[in-house]
């Protein structure tokens, strides 16, 4: 297991910003102000960077399973020159095709 690797310390928390000195990453600062200093930092944000939940016309900031989205880290990464892009990970609704009247559906042309 990765937890058993020598000289590897795994910490979990909500990171708000990278600590940068002389154009090098020196660690991270969490949402509660704790600083973890390190020679290297691995950030695994998943879908939390500026995460949004969209339900029909309703939209709100959130991570998966109603966890907090990482808004402050997103802003910090952008300030440091990283491009933050949004990937749509929406899950389509599951419906029973036998309950649909297909001939009444309207086709929506997608333009990009």
N, C-alpha and C. Protein backbone atom coordinates (compact mmCIF):
# COMPACT_ATOMS: atom_id res chain seq x y z
N UNK A 1 0.82 -1.18 0.00
CA UNK A 1 0.00 0.00 0.00
C UNK A 1 0.87 1.25 0.00
N UNK A 2 0.34 2.30 -0.58
CA UNK A 2 1.09 3.56 -0.67
C UNK A 2 1.41 4.13 0.72
N UNK A 3 0.54 3.86 1.68
CA UNK A 3 0.77 4.37 3.03
C UNK A 3 2.01 3.77 3.67
N UNK A 4 2.48 2.64 3.16
CA UNK A 4 3.64 1.95 3.73
C UNK A 4 4.97 2.39 3.11
N UNK A 5 4.94 3.29 2.14
CA UNK A 5 6.17 3.75 1.50
C UNK A 5 7.02 4.56 2.47
N UNK A 6 8.33 4.30 2.45
CA UNK A 6 9.24 5.06 3.31
C UNK A 6 9.32 6.51 2.85
N UNK A 7 9.48 7.41 3.80
CA UNK A 7 9.64 8.84 3.52
C UNK A 7 8.47 9.47 2.78
N UNK A 8 7.32 8.85 2.85
CA UNK A 8 6.12 9.42 2.22
C UNK A 8 5.09 9.68 3.31
N UNK A 9 4.67 10.91 3.40
CA UNK A 9 3.66 11.29 4.39
C UNK A 9 2.43 11.75 3.63
N UNK A 10 1.32 11.11 3.86
CA UNK A 10 0.08 11.46 3.17
C UNK A 10 -0.78 12.27 4.13
N UNK A 11 -1.14 13.46 3.68
CA UNK A 11 -1.97 14.34 4.49
C UNK A 11 -3.26 14.60 3.71
N UNK A 12 -4.33 14.76 4.41
CA UNK A 12 -5.61 15.05 3.76
C UNK A 12 -6.19 16.31 4.37
N UNK A 13 -6.65 17.19 3.51
CA UNK A 13 -7.26 18.43 3.98
C UNK A 13 -7.71 19.24 2.79
N UNK A 14 -8.38 20.33 3.05
CA UNK A 14 -8.84 21.21 1.98
C UNK A 14 -7.82 22.31 1.77
N UNK A 15 -7.08 22.22 0.68
CA UNK A 15 -6.01 23.17 0.38
C UNK A 15 -6.60 24.42 -0.26
N UNK A 16 -6.21 25.58 0.28
CA UNK A 16 -6.65 26.86 -0.27
C UNK A 16 -5.62 27.49 -1.20
N UNK A 17 -4.34 27.23 -0.91
CA UNK A 17 -3.33 27.85 -1.77
C UNK A 17 -1.99 27.12 -1.70
N UNK A 18 -1.24 27.29 -2.77
CA UNK A 18 0.13 26.79 -2.81
C UNK A 18 1.04 27.83 -2.17
N UNK A 19 2.03 27.38 -1.44
CA UNK A 19 3.04 28.28 -0.90
C UNK A 19 4.18 28.32 -1.91
N UNK A 20 4.40 29.50 -2.48
CA UNK A 20 5.40 29.67 -3.53
C UNK A 20 6.47 30.64 -3.03
N UNK A 21 7.74 30.24 -3.14
CA UNK A 21 8.87 31.12 -2.81
C UNK A 21 9.91 30.98 -3.91
N UNK A 22 10.41 32.10 -4.39
CA UNK A 22 11.41 32.11 -5.46
C UNK A 22 10.96 31.26 -6.65
N UNK A 23 9.68 31.38 -6.99
CA UNK A 23 9.10 30.70 -8.15
C UNK A 23 9.10 29.17 -8.02
N UNK A 24 9.17 28.66 -6.80
CA UNK A 24 9.11 27.22 -6.55
C UNK A 24 8.06 26.93 -5.49
N UNK A 25 7.38 25.80 -5.67
CA UNK A 25 6.39 25.40 -4.67
C UNK A 25 7.13 24.90 -3.43
N UNK A 26 6.70 25.38 -2.28
CA UNK A 26 7.33 25.00 -1.01
C UNK A 26 6.36 24.25 -0.11
N UNK A 27 5.07 24.22 -0.49
CA UNK A 27 4.08 23.54 0.33
C UNK A 27 2.69 24.05 0.02
N UNK A 28 1.77 23.78 0.95
CA UNK A 28 0.38 24.20 0.79
C UNK A 28 -0.14 24.78 2.10
N UNK A 29 -1.17 25.61 1.98
CA UNK A 29 -1.88 26.17 3.14
C UNK A 29 -3.33 25.72 3.04
N UNK A 30 -3.87 25.20 4.13
CA UNK A 30 -5.23 24.67 4.12
C UNK A 30 -6.25 25.75 4.49
N UNK A 31 -7.51 25.38 4.39
CA UNK A 31 -8.59 26.31 4.71
C UNK A 31 -8.63 26.68 6.19
N UNK A 32 -7.95 25.92 7.04
CA UNK A 32 -7.91 26.27 8.47
C UNK A 32 -6.56 26.88 8.84
N UNK A 33 -5.74 27.22 7.82
CA UNK A 33 -4.49 27.92 8.06
C UNK A 33 -3.28 27.04 8.32
N UNK A 34 -3.46 25.73 8.34
CA UNK A 34 -2.33 24.83 8.56
C UNK A 34 -1.45 24.83 7.32
N UNK A 35 -0.14 24.91 7.54
CA UNK A 35 0.81 24.87 6.43
C UNK A 35 1.55 23.54 6.45
N UNK A 36 1.64 22.92 5.29
CA UNK A 36 2.43 21.71 5.10
C UNK A 36 3.53 22.05 4.12
N UNK A 37 4.78 22.00 4.59
CA UNK A 37 5.91 22.32 3.74
C UNK A 37 6.47 21.03 3.14
N UNK A 38 6.91 21.12 1.88
CA UNK A 38 7.36 19.93 1.18
C UNK A 38 8.21 20.32 -0.02
N UNK A 39 9.05 19.39 -0.46
CA UNK A 39 9.83 19.61 -1.68
C UNK A 39 8.97 19.40 -2.92
N UNK A 40 7.88 18.67 -2.76
CA UNK A 40 6.97 18.40 -3.89
C UNK A 40 5.55 18.36 -3.36
N UNK A 41 4.61 18.74 -4.20
CA UNK A 41 3.19 18.73 -3.84
C UNK A 41 2.42 18.05 -4.95
N UNK A 42 1.54 17.14 -4.59
CA UNK A 42 0.65 16.50 -5.55
C UNK A 42 -0.76 16.94 -5.18
N UNK A 43 -1.44 17.57 -6.13
CA UNK A 43 -2.81 18.04 -5.89
C UNK A 43 -3.76 17.14 -6.66
N UNK A 44 -4.70 16.54 -5.96
CA UNK A 44 -5.69 15.67 -6.61
C UNK A 44 -7.06 16.26 -6.36
N UNK A 45 -7.50 17.14 -7.24
CA UNK A 45 -8.74 17.88 -7.00
C UNK A 45 -9.98 17.15 -7.49
N UNK A 46 -9.83 16.21 -8.40
CA UNK A 46 -11.02 15.58 -8.96
C UNK A 46 -11.94 16.61 -9.56
N UNK A 47 -13.21 16.56 -9.22
CA UNK A 47 -14.19 17.51 -9.76
C UNK A 47 -14.49 18.64 -8.78
N UNK A 48 -13.58 18.89 -7.84
CA UNK A 48 -13.84 19.88 -6.80
C UNK A 48 -13.50 21.31 -7.20
N UNK A 49 -12.59 21.53 -8.17
CA UNK A 49 -12.23 22.90 -8.55
C UNK A 49 -13.45 23.61 -9.11
N UNK A 50 -13.88 24.64 -8.41
CA UNK A 50 -15.09 25.39 -8.80
C UNK A 50 -16.25 24.44 -9.12
N UNK A 51 -16.39 23.40 -8.33
CA UNK A 51 -17.42 22.39 -8.55
C UNK A 51 -18.82 22.97 -8.49
N UNK A 52 -19.66 22.51 -9.38
CA UNK A 52 -21.07 22.95 -9.42
C UNK A 52 -21.98 21.74 -9.58
N UNK A 53 -23.11 21.82 -8.96
CA UNK A 53 -24.17 20.85 -9.15
C UNK A 53 -25.26 21.54 -9.96
N UNK A 54 -25.69 20.92 -11.03
CA UNK A 54 -26.73 21.50 -11.89
C UNK A 54 -27.90 20.53 -11.93
N UNK A 55 -29.04 21.00 -11.48
CA UNK A 55 -30.28 20.22 -11.50
C UNK A 55 -31.32 21.02 -12.26
N UNK A 56 -31.50 20.70 -13.53
CA UNK A 56 -32.43 21.48 -14.34
C UNK A 56 -31.95 22.91 -14.44
N UNK A 57 -32.78 23.86 -14.04
CA UNK A 57 -32.40 25.28 -14.07
C UNK A 57 -31.69 25.72 -12.79
N UNK A 58 -31.61 24.84 -11.80
CA UNK A 58 -30.98 25.18 -10.53
C UNK A 58 -29.49 24.83 -10.58
N UNK A 59 -28.64 25.71 -10.06
CA UNK A 59 -27.20 25.49 -10.05
C UNK A 59 -26.63 26.02 -8.74
N UNK A 60 -25.75 25.23 -8.10
CA UNK A 60 -25.11 25.71 -6.88
C UNK A 60 -23.71 25.12 -6.76
N UNK A 61 -22.85 25.82 -6.03
CA UNK A 61 -21.48 25.37 -5.82
C UNK A 61 -21.46 24.18 -4.88
N UNK A 62 -20.76 23.13 -5.28
CA UNK A 62 -20.65 21.94 -4.44
C UNK A 62 -19.65 20.98 -5.07
N UNK A 63 -19.08 20.14 -4.24
CA UNK A 63 -18.30 19.02 -4.73
C UNK A 63 -19.22 17.81 -4.79
N UNK A 64 -18.69 16.66 -5.18
CA UNK A 64 -19.52 15.45 -5.20
C UNK A 64 -20.08 15.13 -3.81
N UNK A 65 -21.25 14.57 -3.78
CA UNK A 65 -21.89 14.15 -2.53
C UNK A 65 -22.01 15.28 -1.52
N UNK A 66 -22.27 16.48 -2.00
CA UNK A 66 -22.49 17.67 -1.16
C UNK A 66 -21.27 18.06 -0.33
N UNK A 67 -20.08 17.66 -0.78
CA UNK A 67 -18.86 18.12 -0.12
C UNK A 67 -18.54 19.52 -0.62
N UNK A 68 -17.66 20.21 0.09
CA UNK A 68 -17.33 21.59 -0.28
C UNK A 68 -16.55 21.64 -1.60
N UNK A 69 -16.88 22.62 -2.45
CA UNK A 69 -16.09 22.81 -3.67
C UNK A 69 -14.81 23.57 -3.34
N UNK A 70 -13.82 23.45 -4.19
CA UNK A 70 -12.55 24.13 -3.95
C UNK A 70 -12.50 25.43 -4.75
N UNK A 71 -13.13 26.46 -4.20
CA UNK A 71 -13.20 27.77 -4.87
C UNK A 71 -11.89 28.54 -4.67
N UNK A 72 -11.40 28.60 -3.42
CA UNK A 72 -10.21 29.39 -3.12
C UNK A 72 -8.98 28.84 -3.83
N UNK A 73 -8.82 27.51 -3.87
CA UNK A 73 -7.68 26.93 -4.58
C UNK A 73 -7.78 27.23 -6.07
N UNK A 74 -8.98 27.17 -6.62
CA UNK A 74 -9.17 27.51 -8.04
C UNK A 74 -8.67 28.92 -8.31
N UNK A 75 -9.06 29.86 -7.45
CA UNK A 75 -8.63 31.26 -7.61
C UNK A 75 -7.12 31.38 -7.49
N UNK A 76 -6.53 30.67 -6.52
CA UNK A 76 -5.08 30.73 -6.31
C UNK A 76 -4.33 30.17 -7.53
N UNK A 77 -4.79 29.05 -8.06
CA UNK A 77 -4.13 28.47 -9.23
C UNK A 77 -4.22 29.41 -10.43
N UNK A 78 -5.37 30.05 -10.59
CA UNK A 78 -5.53 31.01 -11.69
C UNK A 78 -4.57 32.19 -11.51
N UNK A 79 -4.45 32.70 -10.27
CA UNK A 79 -3.52 33.80 -9.99
C UNK A 79 -2.07 33.41 -10.29
N UNK A 80 -1.75 32.13 -10.13
CA UNK A 80 -0.40 31.64 -10.40
C UNK A 80 -0.16 31.37 -11.88
N UNK A 81 -1.19 31.57 -12.70
CA UNK A 81 -1.02 31.41 -14.14
C UNK A 81 -1.52 30.11 -14.72
N UNK A 82 -2.16 29.27 -13.91
CA UNK A 82 -2.72 28.02 -14.43
C UNK A 82 -4.05 28.30 -15.12
N UNK A 83 -4.30 27.62 -16.22
CA UNK A 83 -5.59 27.71 -16.89
C UNK A 83 -6.55 26.74 -16.20
N UNK A 84 -7.67 27.25 -15.74
CA UNK A 84 -8.68 26.42 -15.11
C UNK A 84 -9.83 26.30 -16.11
N UNK A 85 -10.09 25.08 -16.55
CA UNK A 85 -11.17 24.87 -17.52
C UNK A 85 -12.22 23.96 -16.90
N UNK A 86 -13.41 24.07 -17.41
CA UNK A 86 -14.52 23.28 -16.89
C UNK A 86 -14.78 22.10 -17.81
N UNK A 87 -14.82 20.92 -17.22
CA UNK A 87 -15.20 19.72 -17.95
C UNK A 87 -16.57 19.30 -17.47
N UNK A 88 -17.47 19.12 -18.40
CA UNK A 88 -18.83 18.73 -18.04
C UNK A 88 -18.83 17.24 -17.72
N UNK A 89 -19.19 16.91 -16.50
CA UNK A 89 -19.22 15.51 -16.09
C UNK A 89 -20.63 15.08 -15.74
N UNK A 90 -21.60 15.78 -16.31
CA UNK A 90 -23.00 15.51 -15.97
C UNK A 90 -23.40 14.07 -16.26
N UNK A 91 -24.19 13.54 -15.39
CA UNK A 91 -24.70 12.19 -15.57
C UNK A 91 -26.10 12.28 -16.15
N UNK A 92 -26.35 11.62 -17.28
CA UNK A 92 -27.69 11.69 -17.87
C UNK A 92 -28.71 10.96 -16.99
N UNK A 93 -29.96 11.38 -17.08
CA UNK A 93 -30.99 10.70 -16.31
C UNK A 93 -31.18 9.27 -16.83
N UNK A 94 -31.54 8.38 -15.93
CA UNK A 94 -31.84 7.00 -16.32
C UNK A 94 -33.35 6.87 -16.46
N UNK A 95 -33.78 6.44 -17.62
CA UNK A 95 -35.21 6.25 -17.85
C UNK A 95 -35.45 4.90 -18.50
N UNK A 96 -36.62 4.39 -18.29
CA UNK A 96 -37.03 3.14 -18.93
C UNK A 96 -37.59 3.49 -20.31
N UNK A 97 -36.92 3.04 -21.37
CA UNK A 97 -37.34 3.40 -22.73
C UNK A 97 -38.76 2.94 -23.05
N UNK A 98 -39.25 1.95 -22.35
CA UNK A 98 -40.62 1.47 -22.59
C UNK A 98 -41.65 2.48 -22.08
N UNK A 99 -41.21 3.41 -21.25
CA UNK A 99 -42.13 4.42 -20.71
C UNK A 99 -42.08 5.72 -21.50
N UNK A 100 -41.30 5.77 -22.58
CA UNK A 100 -41.18 6.97 -23.39
C UNK A 100 -42.00 6.86 -24.66
N UNK A 101 -42.57 7.97 -25.07
CA UNK A 101 -43.22 8.04 -26.38
C UNK A 101 -42.22 8.74 -27.30
N UNK A 102 -41.38 7.95 -27.94
CA UNK A 102 -40.26 8.46 -28.72
C UNK A 102 -40.73 9.42 -29.81
N UNK A 103 -41.82 9.14 -30.46
CA UNK A 103 -42.26 9.97 -31.59
C UNK A 103 -42.60 11.40 -31.16
N UNK A 104 -42.81 11.64 -29.86
CA UNK A 104 -43.13 12.99 -29.38
C UNK A 104 -41.89 13.78 -28.96
N UNK A 105 -40.73 13.12 -28.98
CA UNK A 105 -39.51 13.81 -28.60
C UNK A 105 -39.07 14.78 -29.69
N UNK A 106 -38.49 15.90 -29.28
CA UNK A 106 -37.97 16.88 -30.23
C UNK A 106 -36.45 16.78 -30.26
N UNK A 107 -35.90 16.84 -31.46
CA UNK A 107 -34.46 16.78 -31.63
C UNK A 107 -33.87 18.17 -31.41
N UNK A 108 -32.83 18.26 -30.59
CA UNK A 108 -32.12 19.52 -30.36
C UNK A 108 -30.77 19.46 -31.06
N UNK A 109 -30.58 20.35 -32.03
CA UNK A 109 -29.32 20.41 -32.75
C UNK A 109 -28.25 21.05 -31.86
N UNK A 110 -27.11 20.41 -31.73
CA UNK A 110 -26.02 20.93 -30.92
C UNK A 110 -25.06 21.67 -31.84
N UNK A 111 -24.73 22.90 -31.47
CA UNK A 111 -23.75 23.67 -32.24
C UNK A 111 -22.57 23.98 -31.35
N UNK A 112 -21.39 23.88 -31.92
CA UNK A 112 -20.17 24.17 -31.14
C UNK A 112 -19.37 25.24 -31.82
